Amino acid sequence: IKKVYEQRRAMIESGEEVDWATAEALAFATLLSEGNHIRLSGQDVERGTFSHRHAVLHDQNTGAKYVPLSHVFPGQKPFQFTVTNSSLSEYGVLGFELGYSMENPNSLVLWEAQFGDFANTAQVIFDQFLTSGEAKWLRQSGLVCLLPHGYDGQGPEHSSARMERFLQMCDENPYTLPEIDHKDWFTGSHLGTQIQAANWQVVNCTTPANYFHVLRRQIHRQFRKPLIVFSPKNLLRHPKCKSPLNEFDDVPDDQGIVGVRFKRLIMDDQGIMPKSRAPRPPQEDSFKRVVFCTGKVFYELHAERERQDKQQELAIVRLEQLAPFPFDLVCRELYRYPN
């Protein structure tokens, strides 16, 4: 544990290679320092199922506990940050946290499944309340569900959070594109009410910085939507899945772009650089194929493209937010690669 915290200190001091767990801790700490309350529960959340979070430290000699995020700044209120291992009832605990999030909309309330597969024992809460509660009762919830997902050799019931189920429960019409107002493109308001009209959000982030921003976005919005996060397993320690500290601020590098830094889509890192974010970017004719992907498979595709030396003919575009679908950004990328 000492080594884990020494590594985190080194990441912050160097400003390089911030990993997933540190990015999450930074999201929590910055929200706490802004006066928000954070509540995290689940069956193994104090340590983290994959021994990555270590939110609660234990003295092996005295049994005393220490929670670093309860001491972010002088005068921090007791229980402003609450992290608790729960009983083995996904149905009961998720239902309680849903109620908590509705009663306290200015709190960041998170429930983490030990493995994403285990969400199926809370299916009634997802079906009856989380997906459709706003439509039925006009009550918003900003509950965050963290569902570890990935075929990483851990066998039955420890492999898949069933992404397809959560996407099937989205109420967005896949055949109706939102009206895009290009004159408001760089203000973030060009999509109108696409996100407000959706019943929830589904994301599958590939960088620690993007995970940091999607958590902060939950609190900084002026409305509430449930957030389903397909959280990684092997990316927690993947040598390429790191973010520099300068990607964690709220000030975009691009001139004229307003708003937080969560990227619904991440552009390819080859070809014309830096990539234009305009709706009609310069076209790149050398590329013969565009691959859209989401989640950890990006790193495998990226390595294979490099091995085959196809960086100038194969573009890899990451869909970080699957719902509501980023129609506007996908159309931009299709325009970028005409061939």
C-alpha atoms as a PDB file:
ATOM      1  CA  ILE A   1       0.000   0.000   0.000  1.00  0.00           C
ATOM      2  CA  LYS A   2       2.884   2.334   0.806  1.00  0.00           C
ATOM      3  CA  LYS A   3       4.254   1.767  -2.701  1.00  0.00           C
ATOM      4  CA  VAL A   4       0.831   2.603  -4.221  1.00  0.00           C
ATOM      5  CA  TYR A   5       0.725   5.972  -2.471  1.00  0.00           C
ATOM      6  CA  GLU A   6       4.355   6.712  -3.294  1.00  0.00           C
ATOM      7  CA  GLN A   7       3.563   6.079  -6.965  1.00  0.00           C
ATOM      8  CA  ARG A   8       0.581   8.447  -6.763  1.00  0.00           C
ATOM      9  CA  ARG A   9       2.759  11.161  -5.251  1.00  0.00           C
ATOM     10  CA  ALA A  10       5.284  10.690  -8.069  1.00  0.00           C
ATOM     11  CA  MET A  11       2.515  11.015 -10.697  1.00  0.00           C
ATOM     12  CA  ILE A  12       1.370  14.343  -9.274  1.00  0.00           C
ATOM     13  CA  GLU A  13       4.871  15.725  -8.772  1.00  0.00           C
ATOM     14  CA  SER A  14       5.984  14.777 -12.295  1.00  0.00           C
ATOM     15  CA  GLY A  15       2.644  15.654 -13.930  1.00  0.00           C
ATOM     16  CA  GLU A  16       2.931  12.518 -16.068  1.00  0.00           C
ATOM     17  CA  GLU A  17       1.309   9.088 -16.361  1.00  0.00           C
ATOM     18  CA  VAL A  18      -1.634   9.544 -14.001  1.00  0.00           C
ATOM     19  CA  ASP A  19      -3.412   6.196 -13.716  1.00  0.00           C
ATOM     20  CA  TRP A  20      -7.100   5.286 -13.358  1.00  0.00           C
ATOM     21  CA  ALA A  21      -7.305   5.086  -9.569  1.00  0.00           C
ATOM     22  CA  THR A  22      -5.457   8.373  -9.106  1.00  0.00           C
ATOM     23  CA  ALA A  23      -7.729  10.076 -11.635  1.00  0.00           C
ATOM     24  CA  GLU A  24     -10.764   8.891  -9.673  1.00  0.00           C
ATOM     25  CA  ALA A  25      -9.261  10.134  -6.399  1.00  0.00           C
ATOM     26  CA  LEU A  26      -8.573  13.508  -8.052  1.00  0.00           C
ATOM     27  CA  ALA A  27     -12.185  13.735  -9.246  1.00  0.00           C
ATOM     28  CA  PHE A  28     -13.445  13.018  -5.735  1.00  0.00           C
ATOM     29  CA  ALA A  29     -10.965  15.398  -4.090  1.00  0.00           C
ATOM     30  CA  THR A  30     -11.712  18.321  -6.405  1.00  0.00           C
ATOM     31  CA  LEU A  31     -15.468  17.885  -5.930  1.00  0.00           C
ATOM     32  CA  LEU A  32     -14.998  17.691  -2.161  1.00  0.00           C
ATOM     33  CA  SER A  33     -12.895  20.856  -2.175  1.00  0.00           C
ATOM     34  CA  GLU A  34     -15.759  22.609  -3.983  1.00  0.00           C
ATOM     35  CA  GLY A  35     -18.062  21.719  -1.083  1.00  0.00           C
ATOM     36  CA  ASN A  36     -19.821  18.668  -2.529  1.00  0.00           C
ATOM     37  CA  HIS A  37     -20.727  15.445  -0.735  1.00  0.00           C
ATOM     38  CA  ILE A  38     -19.584  12.108  -2.209  1.00  0.00           C
ATOM     39  CA  ARG A  39     -20.963   8.701  -1.341  1.00  0.00           C
ATOM     40  CA  LEU A  40     -19.560   5.419  -2.716  1.00  0.00           C
ATOM     41  CA  SER A  41     -20.888   1.974  -1.836  1.00  0.00           C
ATOM     42  CA  GLY A  42     -20.638  -1.579  -3.121  1.00  0.00           C
ATOM     43  CA  GLN A  43     -19.312  -4.958  -2.121  1.00  0.00           C
ATOM     44  CA  ASP A  44     -15.586  -4.204  -2.319  1.00  0.00           C
ATOM     45  CA  VAL A  45     -15.340  -0.467  -2.864  1.00  0.00           C
ATOM     46  CA  GLU A  46     -12.962   0.489  -0.046  1.00  0.00           C
ATOM     47  CA  ARG A  47     -10.082  -1.472  -1.542  1.00  0.00           C
ATOM     48  CA  GLY A  48     -11.546  -1.843  -5.026  1.00  0.00           C
ATOM     49  CA  THR A  49     -12.268  -5.275  -6.504  1.00  0.00           C
ATOM     50  CA  PHE A  50      -8.947  -5.196  -8.355  1.00  0.00           C
ATOM     51  CA  SER A  51      -6.958  -3.778  -5.436  1.00  0.00           C
ATOM     52  CA  HIS A  52      -6.551  -0.403  -7.108  1.00  0.00           C
ATOM     53  CA  ARG A  53      -8.552   2.161  -5.101  1.00  0.00           C
ATOM     54  CA  HIS A  54      -7.329   1.802  -1.490  1.00  0.00           C
ATOM     55  CA  ALA A  55      -9.726   4.495  -0.246  1.00  0.00           C
ATOM     56  CA  VAL A  56      -9.491   3.165   3.324  1.00  0.00           C
ATOM     57  CA  LEU A  57      -6.145   2.394   4.959  1.00  0.00           C
ATOM     58  CA  HIS A  58      -5.868  -0.014   7.916  1.00  0.00           C
ATOM     59  CA  ASP A  59      -3.186  -0.022  10.615  1.00  0.00           C
ATOM     60  CA  GLN A  60      -2.179  -3.681  10.954  1.00  0.00           C
ATOM     61  CA  ASN A  61      -1.032  -3.183  14.539  1.00  0.00           C
ATOM     62  CA  THR A  62      -3.924  -1.225  16.040  1.00  0.00           C
ATOM     63  CA  GLY A  63      -6.761  -1.886  13.579  1.00  0.00           C
ATOM     64  CA  ALA A  64      -7.263   1.877  13.176  1.00  0.00           C
ATOM     65  CA  LYS A  65      -8.687   3.149   9.889  1.00  0.00           C
ATOM     66  CA  TYR A  66      -7.656   6.224   7.918  1.00  0.00           C
ATOM     67  CA  VAL A  67      -9.544   7.646   4.924  1.00  0.00           C
ATOM     68  CA  PRO A  68      -7.293  10.076   2.988  1.00  0.00           C
ATOM     69  CA  LEU A  69     -10.224  11.675   1.142  1.00  0.00           C
ATOM     70  CA  SER A  70     -11.757  12.667   4.490  1.00  0.00           C
ATOM     71  CA  HIS A  71      -8.749  14.983   4.969  1.00  0.00           C
ATOM     72  CA  VAL A  72      -8.501  16.850   1.659  1.00  0.00           C
ATOM     73  CA  PHE A  73      -8.520  20.314   3.233  1.00  0.00           C
ATOM     74  CA  PRO A  74      -8.544  21.826   6.751  1.00  0.00           C
ATOM     75  CA  GLY A  75     -11.996  21.965   8.285  1.00  0.00           C
ATOM     76  CA  GLN A  76     -13.493  19.331   5.994  1.00  0.00           C
ATOM     77  CA  LYS A  77     -16.808  18.177   7.436  1.00  0.00           C
ATOM     78  CA  PRO A  78     -17.048  14.665   8.891  1.00  0.00           C
ATOM     79  CA  PHE A  79     -18.634  12.185   6.464  1.00  0.00           C
ATOM     80  CA  GLN A  80     -18.431  14.643   3.555  1.00  0.00           C
ATOM     81  CA  PHE A  81     -16.774  11.675   1.851  1.00  0.00           C
ATOM     82  CA  THR A  82     -18.381   8.319   2.625  1.00  0.00           C
ATOM     83  CA  VAL A  83     -17.042   5.027   1.284  1.00  0.00           C
ATOM     84  CA  THR A  84     -18.562   1.811   2.607  1.00  0.00           C
ATOM     85  CA  ASN A  85     -18.344  -1.863   1.734  1.00  0.00           C
ATOM     86  CA  SER A  86     -21.932  -3.070   1.444  1.00  0.00           C
ATOM     87  CA  SER A  87     -23.773  -6.305   2.083  1.00  0.00           C
ATOM     88  CA  LEU A  88     -24.003  -8.849  -0.721  1.00  0.00           C
ATOM     89  CA  SER A  89     -27.360  -7.610  -1.983  1.00  0.00           C
ATOM     90  CA  GLU A  90     -27.073  -5.644  -5.212  1.00  0.00           C
ATOM     91  CA  TYR A  91     -30.856  -5.208  -5.323  1.00  0.00           C
ATOM     92  CA  GLY A  92     -31.100  -3.736  -1.814  1.00  0.00           C
ATOM     93  CA  VAL A  93     -28.029  -1.518  -1.942  1.00  0.00           C
ATOM     94  CA  LEU A  94     -28.612  -0.125  -5.445  1.00  0.00           C
ATOM     95  CA  GLY A  95     -32.209   0.661  -4.500  1.00  0.00           C
ATOM     96  CA  PHE A  96     -31.051   2.518  -1.393  1.00  0.00           C
ATOM     97  CA  GLU A  97     -28.444   4.527  -3.310  1.00  0.00           C
ATOM     98  CA  LEU A  98     -31.013   5.432  -5.975  1.00  0.00           C
ATOM     99  CA  GLY A  99     -33.225   6.864  -3.255  1.00  0.00           C
ATOM    100  CA  TYR A 100     -30.267   8.700  -1.737  1.00  0.00           C
ATOM    101  CA  SER A 101     -29.368  10.279  -5.089  1.00  0.00           C
ATOM    102  CA  MET A 102     -32.938  11.528  -5.558  1.00  0.00           C
ATOM    103  CA  GLU A 103     -33.118  12.953  -2.066  1.00  0.00           C
ATOM    104  CA  ASN A 104     -29.677  14.597  -2.373  1.00  0.00           C
ATOM    105  CA  PRO A 105     -29.239  15.677  -6.008  1.00  0.00           C
ATOM    106  CA  ASN A 106     -26.172  17.770  -5.157  1.00  0.00           C
ATOM    107  CA  SER A 107     -24.288  14.722  -3.865  1.00  0.00           C
ATOM    108  CA  LEU A 108     -22.229  12.496  -6.134  1.00  0.00           C
ATOM    109  CA  VAL A 109     -23.692   9.076  -5.331  1.00  0.00           C
ATOM    110  CA  LEU A 110     -21.940   6.039  -6.790  1.00  0.00           C
ATOM    111  CA  TRP A 111     -22.689   2.318  -6.616  1.00  0.00           C
ATOM    112  CA  GLU A 112     -20.001  -0.057  -7.843  1.00  0.00           C
ATOM    113  CA  ALA A 113     -20.680  -3.688  -8.674  1.00  0.00           C
ATOM    114  CA  GLN A 114     -17.934  -6.049  -7.574  1.00  0.00           C
ATOM    115  CA  PHE A 115     -18.082  -7.301 -11.161  1.00  0.00           C
ATOM    116  CA  GLY A 116     -20.387  -5.794 -13.771  1.00  0.00           C
ATOM    117  CA  ASP A 117     -22.033  -9.189 -14.274  1.00  0.00           C
ATOM    118  CA  PHE A 118     -23.538  -8.901 -10.778  1.00  0.00           C
ATOM    119  CA  ALA A 119     -25.805  -6.049 -11.878  1.00  0.00           C
ATOM    120  CA  ASN A 120     -28.283  -8.701 -13.046  1.00  0.00           C
ATOM    121  CA  THR A 121     -29.404  -9.350  -9.452  1.00  0.00           C
ATOM    122  CA  ALA A 122     -30.476  -5.687  -9.272  1.00  0.00           C
ATOM    123  CA  GLN A 123     -32.318  -5.836 -12.587  1.00  0.00           C
ATOM    124  CA  VAL A 124     -35.641  -4.740 -11.092  1.00  0.00           C
ATOM    125  CA  ILE A 125     -34.059  -1.478  -9.899  1.00  0.00           C
ATOM    126  CA  PHE A 126     -32.581  -0.815 -13.339  1.00  0.00           C
ATOM    127  CA  ASP A 127     -35.756  -1.741 -15.254  1.00  0.00           C
ATOM    128  CA  GLN A 128     -38.463  -0.220 -13.106  1.00  0.00           C
ATOM    129  CA  PHE A 129     -36.780   2.786 -11.557  1.00  0.00           C
ATOM    130  CA  LEU A 130     -33.433   3.888 -12.998  1.00  0.00           C
ATOM    131  CA  THR A 131     -34.206   3.689 -16.720  1.00  0.00           C
ATOM    132  CA  SER A 132     -37.743   5.006 -16.550  1.00  0.00           C
ATOM    133  CA  GLY A 133     -38.156   6.864 -13.270  1.00  0.00           C
ATOM    134  CA  GLU A 134     -37.886  10.346 -14.776  1.00  0.00           C
ATOM    135  CA  ALA A 135     -40.470   9.550 -17.478  1.00  0.00           C
ATOM    136  CA  LYS A 136     -42.896   8.006 -14.978  1.00  0.00           C
ATOM    137  CA  TRP A 137     -42.529  10.260 -11.935  1.00  0.00           C
ATOM    138  CA  LEU A 138     -40.651  13.377 -13.180  1.00  0.00           C
ATOM    139  CA  ARG A 139     -37.899  12.768 -10.621  1.00  0.00           C
ATOM    140  CA  GLN A 140     -34.315  13.120 -11.778  1.00  0.00           C
ATOM    141  CA  SER A 141     -31.417  11.063 -10.446  1.00  0.00           C
ATOM    142  CA  GLY A 142     -27.694  11.546 -10.989  1.00  0.00           C
ATOM    143  CA  LEU A 143     -26.771   8.087  -9.672  1.00  0.00           C
ATOM    144  CA  VAL A 144     -23.495   6.676 -11.069  1.00  0.00           C
ATOM    145  CA  CYS A 145     -23.193   2.909 -11.601  1.00  0.00           C
ATOM    146  CA  LEU A 146     -19.650   1.593 -12.011  1.00  0.00           C
ATOM    147  CA  LEU A 147     -19.723  -1.799 -13.735  1.00  0.00           C
ATOM    148  CA  PRO A 148     -16.329  -3.526 -14.199  1.00  0.00           C
ATOM    149  CA  HIS A 149     -16.378  -5.043 -17.679  1.00  0.00           C
ATOM    150  CA  GLY A 150     -14.013  -7.127 -19.774  1.00  0.00           C
ATOM    151  CA  TYR A 151     -13.040 -10.652 -20.735  1.00  0.00           C
ATOM    152  CA  ASP A 152      -9.825 -10.833 -18.727  1.00  0.00           C
ATOM    153  CA  GLY A 153      -9.571 -14.500 -17.851  1.00  0.00           C
ATOM    154  CA  GLN A 154     -11.658 -14.537 -14.677  1.00  0.00           C
ATOM    155  CA  GLY A 155     -14.305 -16.951 -15.900  1.00  0.00           C
ATOM    156  CA  PRO A 156     -18.107 -17.170 -15.765  1.00  0.00           C
ATOM    157  CA  GLU A 157     -19.967 -14.357 -13.991  1.00  0.00           C
ATOM    158  CA  HIS A 158     -16.739 -12.308 -13.916  1.00  0.00           C
ATOM    159  CA  SER A 159     -16.419 -11.270 -17.553  1.00  0.00           C
ATOM    160  CA  SER A 160     -19.178  -9.066 -18.932  1.00  0.00           C
ATOM    161  CA  ALA A 161     -21.344  -6.257 -17.605  1.00  0.00           C
ATOM    162  CA  ARG A 162     -23.707  -6.974 -20.528  1.00  0.00           C
ATOM    163  CA  MET A 163     -23.252  -3.660 -22.275  1.00  0.00           C
ATOM    164  CA  GLU A 164     -25.891  -4.643 -24.811  1.00  0.00           C
ATOM    165  CA  ARG A 165     -28.582  -4.790 -22.112  1.00  0.00           C
ATOM    166  CA  PHE A 166     -27.937  -1.237 -20.981  1.00  0.00           C
ATOM    167  CA  LEU A 167     -27.847   0.030 -24.561  1.00  0.00           C
ATOM    168  CA  GLN A 168     -31.134  -1.744 -25.310  1.00  0.00           C
ATOM    169  CA  MET A 169     -32.676   0.129 -22.389  1.00  0.00           C
ATOM    170  CA  CYS A 170     -31.733   3.533 -23.844  1.00  0.00           C
ATOM    171  CA  ASP A 171     -34.787   5.374 -25.123  1.00  0.00           C
ATOM    172  CA  GLU A 172     -32.948   7.358 -27.814  1.00  0.00           C
ATOM    173  CA  ASN A 173     -34.278   6.812 -31.346  1.00  0.00           C
ATOM    174  CA  PRO A 174     -31.315   5.534 -33.392  1.00  0.00           C
ATOM    175  CA  TYR A 175     -32.933   6.682 -36.645  1.00  0.00           C
ATOM    176  CA  THR A 176     -33.551  10.279 -35.609  1.00  0.00           C
ATOM    177  CA  LEU A 177     -30.480  12.492 -35.612  1.00  0.00           C
ATOM    178  CA  PRO A 178     -30.561  15.530 -33.328  1.00  0.00           C
ATOM    179  CA  GLU A 179     -30.763  18.873 -35.099  1.00  0.00           C
ATOM    180  CA  ILE A 180     -27.245  20.267 -35.075  1.00  0.00           C
ATOM    181  CA  ASP A 181     -26.813  24.034 -35.078  1.00  0.00           C
ATOM    182  CA  HIS A 182     -23.302  24.597 -36.431  1.00  0.00           C
ATOM    183  CA  LYS A 183     -23.174  28.236 -35.383  1.00  0.00           C
ATOM    184  CA  ASP A 184     -23.216  27.060 -31.742  1.00  0.00           C
ATOM    185  CA  TRP A 185     -20.752  24.219 -32.355  1.00  0.00           C
ATOM    186  CA  PHE A 186     -17.985  25.507 -30.080  1.00  0.00           C
ATOM    187  CA  THR A 187     -20.282  26.552 -27.235  1.00  0.00           C
ATOM    188  CA  GLY A 188     -21.544  23.026 -26.591  1.00  0.00           C
ATOM    189  CA  SER A 189     -25.161  24.044 -27.109  1.00  0.00           C
ATOM    190  CA  HIS A 190     -25.347  22.923 -30.753  1.00  0.00           C
ATOM    191  CA  LEU A 191     -27.163  19.681 -29.827  1.00  0.00           C
ATOM    192  CA  GLY A 192     -30.121  21.376 -28.213  1.00  0.00           C
ATOM    193  CA  THR A 193     -31.704  19.075 -25.629  1.00  0.00           C
ATOM    194  CA  GLN A 194     -30.319  15.717 -26.814  1.00  0.00           C
ATOM    195  CA  ILE A 195     -28.934  14.785 -23.404  1.00  0.00           C
ATOM    196  CA  GLN A 196     -31.895  16.170 -21.414  1.00  0.00           C
ATOM    197  CA  ALA A 197     -34.299  14.074 -23.504  1.00  0.00           C
ATOM    198  CA  ALA A 198     -32.392  10.812 -22.957  1.00  0.00           C
ATOM    199  CA  ASN A 199     -33.213   8.499 -20.073  1.00  0.00           C
ATOM    200  CA  TRP A 200     -29.590   7.848 -19.093  1.00  0.00           C
ATOM    201  CA  GLN A 201     -25.955   8.008 -20.209  1.00  0.00           C
ATOM    202  CA  VAL A 202     -23.690   5.075 -21.069  1.00  0.00           C
ATOM    203  CA  VAL A 203     -19.922   5.578 -21.257  1.00  0.00           C
ATOM    204  CA  ASN A 204     -16.890   3.349 -21.761  1.00  0.00           C
ATOM    205  CA  CYS A 205     -13.866   5.563 -21.158  1.00  0.00           C
ATOM    206  CA  THR A 206     -10.349   4.750 -22.342  1.00  0.00           C
ATOM    207  CA  THR A 207      -8.314   7.388 -20.487  1.00  0.00           C
ATOM    208  CA  PRO A 208      -8.032   8.294 -16.790  1.00  0.00           C
ATOM    209  CA  ALA A 209      -8.561  11.981 -17.619  1.00  0.00           C
ATOM    210  CA  ASN A 210     -11.812  11.281 -19.442  1.00  0.00           C
ATOM    211  CA  TYR A 211     -13.057   9.251 -16.470  1.00  0.00           C
ATOM    212  CA  PHE A 212     -12.149  12.176 -14.196  1.00  0.00           C
ATOM    213  CA  HIS A 213     -14.154  14.597 -16.321  1.00  0.00           C
ATOM    214  CA  VAL A 214     -17.242  12.404 -16.692  1.00  0.00           C
ATOM    215  CA  LEU A 215     -17.517  12.096 -12.893  1.00  0.00           C
ATOM    216  CA  ARG A 216     -17.198  15.855 -12.433  1.00  0.00           C
ATOM    217  CA  ARG A 217     -19.717  16.480 -15.217  1.00  0.00           C
ATOM    218  CA  GLN A 218     -22.361  14.677 -13.143  1.00  0.00           C
ATOM    219  CA  ILE A 219     -22.265  17.380 -10.463  1.00  0.00           C
ATOM    220  CA  HIS A 220     -21.530  20.454 -12.578  1.00  0.00           C
ATOM    221  CA  ARG A 221     -24.535  20.047 -14.859  1.00  0.00           C
ATOM    222  CA  GLN A 222     -27.722  21.946 -14.122  1.00  0.00           C
ATOM    223  CA  PHE A 223     -29.799  18.758 -14.374  1.00  0.00           C
ATOM    224  CA  ARG A 224     -29.362  15.124 -13.339  1.00  0.00           C
ATOM    225  CA  LYS A 225     -29.134  11.939 -15.438  1.00  0.00           C
ATOM    226  CA  PRO A 226     -28.112   8.429 -14.353  1.00  0.00           C
ATOM    227  CA  LEU A 227     -24.636   7.478 -15.579  1.00  0.00           C
ATOM    228  CA  ILE A 228     -23.653   3.899 -16.454  1.00  0.00           C
ATOM    229  CA  VAL A 229     -19.860   3.508 -16.545  1.00  0.00           C
ATOM    230  CA  PHE A 230     -18.326   0.341 -17.958  1.00  0.00           C
ATOM    231  CA  SER A 231     -15.183   0.519 -15.893  1.00  0.00           C
ATOM    232  CA  PRO A 232     -12.018  -1.321 -16.920  1.00  0.00           C
ATOM    233  CA  LYS A 233     -10.017  -4.117 -15.374  1.00  0.00           C
ATOM    234  CA  ASN A 234      -6.711  -4.507 -17.191  1.00  0.00           C
ATOM    235  CA  LEU A 235      -6.600  -0.795 -18.070  1.00  0.00           C
ATOM    236  CA  LEU A 236      -6.200  -0.043 -14.352  1.00  0.00           C
ATOM    237  CA  ARG A 237      -2.518  -0.981 -14.709  1.00  0.00           C
ATOM    238  CA  HIS A 238      -2.027  -0.840 -18.488  1.00  0.00           C
ATOM    239  CA  PRO A 239       1.244   0.992 -19.270  1.00  0.00           C
ATOM    240  CA  LYS A 240      -0.419   2.975 -22.096  1.00  0.00           C
ATOM    241  CA  CYS A 241      -3.603   3.866 -20.198  1.00  0.00           C
ATOM    242  CA  LYS A 242      -2.217   6.980 -18.524  1.00  0.00           C
ATOM    243  CA  SER A 243      -3.000  10.691 -18.772  1.00  0.00           C
ATOM    244  CA  PRO A 244      -0.775  13.741 -18.256  1.00  0.00           C
ATOM    245  CA  LEU A 245      -1.877  16.069 -15.477  1.00  0.00           C
ATOM    246  CA  ASN A 246      -2.534  18.921 -17.928  1.00  0.00           C
ATOM    247  CA  GLU A 247      -5.561  16.989 -19.256  1.00  0.00           C
ATOM    248  CA  PHE A 248      -7.300  17.298 -15.893  1.00  0.00           C
ATOM    249  CA  ASP A 249      -8.143  21.011 -15.896  1.00  0.00           C
ATOM    250  CA  ASP A 250     -11.368  22.559 -17.182  1.00  0.00           C
ATOM    251  CA  VAL A 251      -9.651  24.873 -19.671  1.00  0.00           C
ATOM    252  CA  PRO A 252      -9.677  23.455 -23.222  1.00  0.00           C
ATOM    253  CA  ASP A 253      -6.480  23.693 -25.261  1.00  0.00           C
ATOM    254  CA  ASP A 254      -8.531  24.783 -28.271  1.00  0.00           C
ATOM    255  CA  GLN A 255      -9.410  28.440 -28.677  1.00  0.00           C
ATOM    256  CA  GLY A 256     -13.077  29.299 -28.441  1.00  0.00           C
ATOM    257  CA  ILE A 257     -14.310  25.990 -27.003  1.00  0.00           C
ATOM    258  CA  VAL A 258     -16.481  26.377 -23.918  1.00  0.00           C
ATOM    259  CA  GLY A 259     -17.225  23.822 -21.207  1.00  0.00           C
ATOM    260  CA  VAL A 260     -15.755  20.829 -19.417  1.00  0.00           C
ATOM    261  CA  ARG A 261     -13.247  18.516 -20.972  1.00  0.00           C
ATOM    262  CA  PHE A 262     -15.086  15.194 -21.156  1.00  0.00           C
ATOM    263  CA  LYS A 263     -14.623  13.865 -24.672  1.00  0.00           C
ATOM    264  CA  ARG A 264     -17.625  11.956 -26.027  1.00  0.00           C
ATOM    265  CA  LEU A 265     -15.360  10.858 -28.898  1.00  0.00           C
ATOM    266  CA  ILE A 266     -11.559  10.787 -29.059  1.00  0.00           C
ATOM    267  CA  MET A 267     -10.031  11.483 -32.457  1.00  0.00           C
ATOM    268  CA  ASP A 268      -7.241   9.429 -34.023  1.00  0.00           C
ATOM    269  CA  ASP A 269      -3.673  10.377 -33.056  1.00  0.00           C
ATOM    270  CA  GLN A 270      -2.222  10.086 -36.581  1.00  0.00           C
ATOM    271  CA  GLY A 271      -2.414  12.155 -39.787  1.00  0.00           C
ATOM    272  CA  ILE A 272      -2.847  15.929 -39.649  1.00  0.00           C
ATOM    273  CA  MET A 273      -2.046  17.131 -36.134  1.00  0.00           C
ATOM    274  CA  PRO A 274      -3.378  18.794 -34.131  1.00  0.00           C
ATOM    275  CA  LYS A 275      -6.778  17.559 -35.247  1.00  0.00           C
ATOM    276  CA  SER A 276      -9.389  20.199 -36.026  1.00  0.00           C
ATOM    277  CA  ARG A 277     -12.566  20.001 -33.918  1.00  0.00           C
ATOM    278  CA  ALA A 278     -14.561  22.044 -36.423  1.00  0.00           C
ATOM    279  CA  PRO A 279     -17.669  20.408 -37.947  1.00  0.00           C
ATOM    280  CA  ARG A 280     -15.993  20.425 -41.383  1.00  0.00           C
ATOM    281  CA  PRO A 281     -12.316  19.647 -40.655  1.00  0.00           C
ATOM    282  CA  PRO A 282      -9.521  19.421 -43.269  1.00  0.00           C
ATOM    283  CA  GLN A 283      -9.930  16.143 -45.146  1.00  0.00           C
ATOM    284  CA  GLU A 284      -7.273  13.429 -44.907  1.00  0.00           C
ATOM    285  CA  ASP A 285      -7.198  11.506 -48.169  1.00  0.00           C
ATOM    286  CA  SER A 286      -4.478   8.962 -47.383  1.00  0.00           C
ATOM    287  CA  PHE A 287      -6.626   6.996 -44.953  1.00  0.00           C
ATOM    288  CA  LYS A 288      -8.350   3.962 -46.477  1.00  0.00           C
ATOM    289  CA  ARG A 289     -10.202   2.664 -43.410  1.00  0.00           C
ATOM    290  CA  VAL A 290     -11.754   4.137 -40.276  1.00  0.00           C
ATOM    291  CA  VAL A 291     -12.307   1.872 -37.277  1.00  0.00           C
ATOM    292  CA  PHE A 292     -14.736   3.018 -34.580  1.00  0.00           C
ATOM    293  CA  CYS A 293     -14.177   1.248 -31.283  1.00  0.00           C
ATOM    294  CA  THR A 294     -14.874   1.638 -27.577  1.00  0.00           C
ATOM    295  CA  GLY A 295     -13.030   0.618 -24.429  1.00  0.00           C
ATOM    296  CA  LYS A 296      -9.884  -1.429 -23.932  1.00  0.00           C
ATOM    297  CA  VAL A 297      -9.823  -2.906 -27.453  1.00  0.00           C
ATOM    298  CA  PHE A 298      -8.439   0.463 -28.590  1.00  0.00           C
ATOM    299  CA  TYR A 299      -5.041  -0.299 -27.075  1.00  0.00           C
ATOM    300  CA  GLU A 300      -4.852  -3.669 -28.832  1.00  0.00           C
ATOM    301  CA  LEU A 301      -5.853  -2.124 -32.170  1.00  0.00           C
ATOM    302  CA  HIS A 302      -3.354   0.705 -31.702  1.00  0.00           C
ATOM    303  CA  ALA A 303      -0.491  -1.711 -31.041  1.00  0.00           C
ATOM    304  CA  GLU A 304      -1.409  -3.892 -34.036  1.00  0.00           C
ATOM    305  CA  ARG A 305      -1.635  -0.869 -36.357  1.00  0.00           C
ATOM    306  CA  GLU A 306       1.856   0.129 -35.272  1.00  0.00           C
ATOM    307  CA  ARG A 307       3.147  -3.413 -35.817  1.00  0.00           C
ATOM    308  CA  GLN A 308       1.762  -3.408 -39.366  1.00  0.00           C
ATOM    309  CA  ASP A 309       3.002   0.160 -39.980  1.00  0.00           C
ATOM    310  CA  LYS A 310      -0.401   1.395 -41.143  1.00  0.00           C
ATOM    311  CA  GLN A 311      -0.531   4.648 -39.168  1.00  0.00           C
ATOM    312  CA  GLN A 312      -1.205   6.718 -42.301  1.00  0.00           C
ATOM    313  CA  GLU A 313      -3.927   4.554 -43.806  1.00  0.00           C
ATOM    314  CA  LEU A 314      -5.959   3.247 -40.848  1.00  0.00           C
ATOM    315  CA  ALA A 315      -7.672   5.678 -38.445  1.00  0.00           C
ATOM    316  CA  ILE A 316      -8.872   4.499 -35.013  1.00  0.00           C
ATOM    317  CA  VAL A 317     -11.629   6.618 -33.461  1.00  0.00           C
ATOM    318  CA  ARG A 318     -12.812   5.993 -29.895  1.00  0.00           C
ATOM    319  CA  LEU A 319     -16.465   6.279 -28.907  1.00  0.00           C
ATOM    320  CA  GLU A 320     -16.238   7.184 -25.231  1.00  0.00           C
ATOM    321  CA  GLN A 321     -19.959   7.952 -24.822  1.00  0.00           C
ATOM    322  CA  LEU A 322     -22.264   5.387 -26.396  1.00  0.00           C
ATOM    323  CA  ALA A 323     -25.539   6.952 -25.277  1.00  0.00           C
ATOM    324  CA  PRO A 324     -26.742   9.511 -26.038  1.00  0.00           C
ATOM    325  CA  PHE A 325     -24.903   8.708 -29.257  1.00  0.00           C
ATOM    326  CA  PRO A 326     -22.436  11.394 -30.468  1.00  0.00           C
ATOM    327  CA  PHE A 327     -23.988  11.720 -33.943  1.00  0.00           C
ATOM    328  CA  ASP A 328     -22.389  15.142 -34.416  1.00  0.00           C
ATOM    329  CA  LEU A 329     -18.840  13.987 -33.751  1.00  0.00           C
ATOM    330  CA  VAL A 330     -19.178  10.778 -35.763  1.00  0.00           C
ATOM    331  CA  CYS A 331     -20.403  12.824 -38.752  1.00  0.00           C
ATOM    332  CA  ARG A 332     -17.377  15.082 -38.318  1.00  0.00           C
ATOM    333  CA  GLU A 333     -15.012  12.098 -38.435  1.00  0.00           C
ATOM    334  CA  LEU A 334     -16.746  10.641 -41.503  1.00  0.00           C
ATOM    335  CA  TYR A 335     -16.219  13.976 -43.238  1.00  0.00           C
ATOM    336  CA  ARG A 336     -12.550  14.001 -42.168  1.00  0.00           C
ATOM    337  CA  TYR A 337     -11.850  10.690 -43.964  1.00  0.00           C
ATOM    338  CA  PRO A 338     -13.552  10.830 -47.389  1.00  0.00           C
ATOM    339  CA  ASN A 339     -11.813   7.743 -48.803  1.00  0.00           C
END
